[in-house]
């Protein structure tokens, strides 16, 4: 009995990352700060980030991250 077996070899690299809520908030905050050209280490910057459910509390499956950055313009470093 002759069996016709074919195989395909592929070379690939898979990257898998999992982030906690705090890490996601930090990454989003850093991204916005870079876009705005702000230094998050500055005393004049008051950053805030939070993850919100978009499902009105019923089986939450969709989330968004809200970023709020207050830049105190009269603050001296």
Protein backbone atom coordinates (compact mmCIF):
# COMPACT_ATOMS: atom_id res chain seq x y z
CA UNK A 1 0.00 0.00 0.00
CA UNK A 2 1.47 3.33 -1.06
CA UNK A 3 0.52 6.40 0.96
CA UNK A 4 0.82 9.86 -0.48
CA UNK A 5 1.96 12.05 2.41
CA UNK A 6 2.81 15.66 1.86
CA UNK A 7 4.03 18.17 4.37
CA UNK A 8 4.77 21.83 4.30
CA UNK A 9 7.51 23.33 6.38
CA UNK A 10 7.15 26.94 7.39
CA UNK A 11 9.53 29.04 9.35
CA UNK A 12 7.90 31.50 11.63
CA UNK A 13 8.34 33.29 14.90
CA UNK A 14 5.35 33.95 17.11
CA UNK A 15 5.35 36.75 19.68
CA UNK A 16 2.74 36.57 22.40
CA UNK A 17 2.30 39.20 25.07
CA UNK A 18 -0.14 39.57 27.91
CA UNK A 19 -0.49 42.81 29.84
CA UNK A 20 -2.10 43.57 33.17
CA UNK A 21 -4.54 46.46 33.44
CA UNK A 22 -1.88 48.69 35.04
CA UNK A 23 0.58 47.88 32.24
CA UNK A 24 -2.02 48.73 29.59
CA UNK A 25 -2.77 52.02 31.32
CA UNK A 26 0.95 52.85 31.51
CA UNK A 27 1.55 51.99 27.85
CA UNK A 28 -1.41 54.12 26.71
CA UNK A 29 -0.29 57.02 28.90
CA UNK A 30 3.29 56.85 27.59
CA UNK A 31 2.03 56.77 23.99
CA UNK A 32 -0.08 59.91 24.45
CA UNK A 33 2.72 61.72 26.31
CA UNK A 34 5.12 60.98 23.44
CA UNK A 35 2.57 62.25 20.88
CA UNK A 36 2.12 65.47 22.89
CA UNK A 37 5.84 65.84 23.60
CA UNK A 38 5.30 65.77 27.36
CA UNK A 39 7.69 64.51 30.03
CA UNK A 40 5.73 62.34 32.45
CA UNK A 41 8.45 62.84 35.07
CA UNK A 42 7.77 66.58 35.16
CA UNK A 43 6.17 67.94 38.33
CA UNK A 44 3.90 70.04 36.09
CA UNK A 45 2.27 66.90 34.66
CA UNK A 46 -0.57 65.13 36.45
CA UNK A 47 -1.38 61.95 34.48
CA UNK A 48 -4.37 59.69 35.01
CA UNK A 49 -5.36 56.52 33.17
CA UNK A 50 -8.21 54.08 33.61
CA UNK A 51 -9.81 51.18 31.77
CA UNK A 52 -13.57 51.39 31.25
CA UNK A 53 -16.06 48.68 30.32
CA UNK A 54 -18.17 49.48 27.28
CA UNK A 55 -20.86 46.89 28.01
CA UNK A 56 -22.79 48.75 30.72
CA UNK A 57 -21.71 46.18 33.31
CA UNK A 58 -23.48 43.24 31.65
CA UNK A 59 -20.95 40.63 30.52
CA UNK A 60 -18.22 43.17 29.84
CA UNK A 61 -16.25 42.15 26.77
CA UNK A 62 -15.24 45.49 25.29
CA UNK A 63 -12.98 47.95 27.05
CA UNK A 64 -11.37 51.28 26.33
CA UNK A 65 -8.57 53.10 28.06
CA UNK A 66 -9.19 56.71 29.02
CA UNK A 67 -6.16 58.98 29.42
CA UNK A 68 -6.26 62.34 31.18
CA UNK A 69 -3.16 64.52 31.42
CA UNK A 70 -3.28 67.82 33.25
CA UNK A 71 -0.39 70.11 32.43
CA UNK A 72 0.00 72.80 35.09
CA UNK A 73 1.34 75.73 33.10
CA UNK A 74 2.32 77.94 36.04
CA UNK A 75 4.32 75.24 37.84
CA UNK A 76 8.07 75.76 38.15
CA UNK A 77 10.25 72.67 38.25
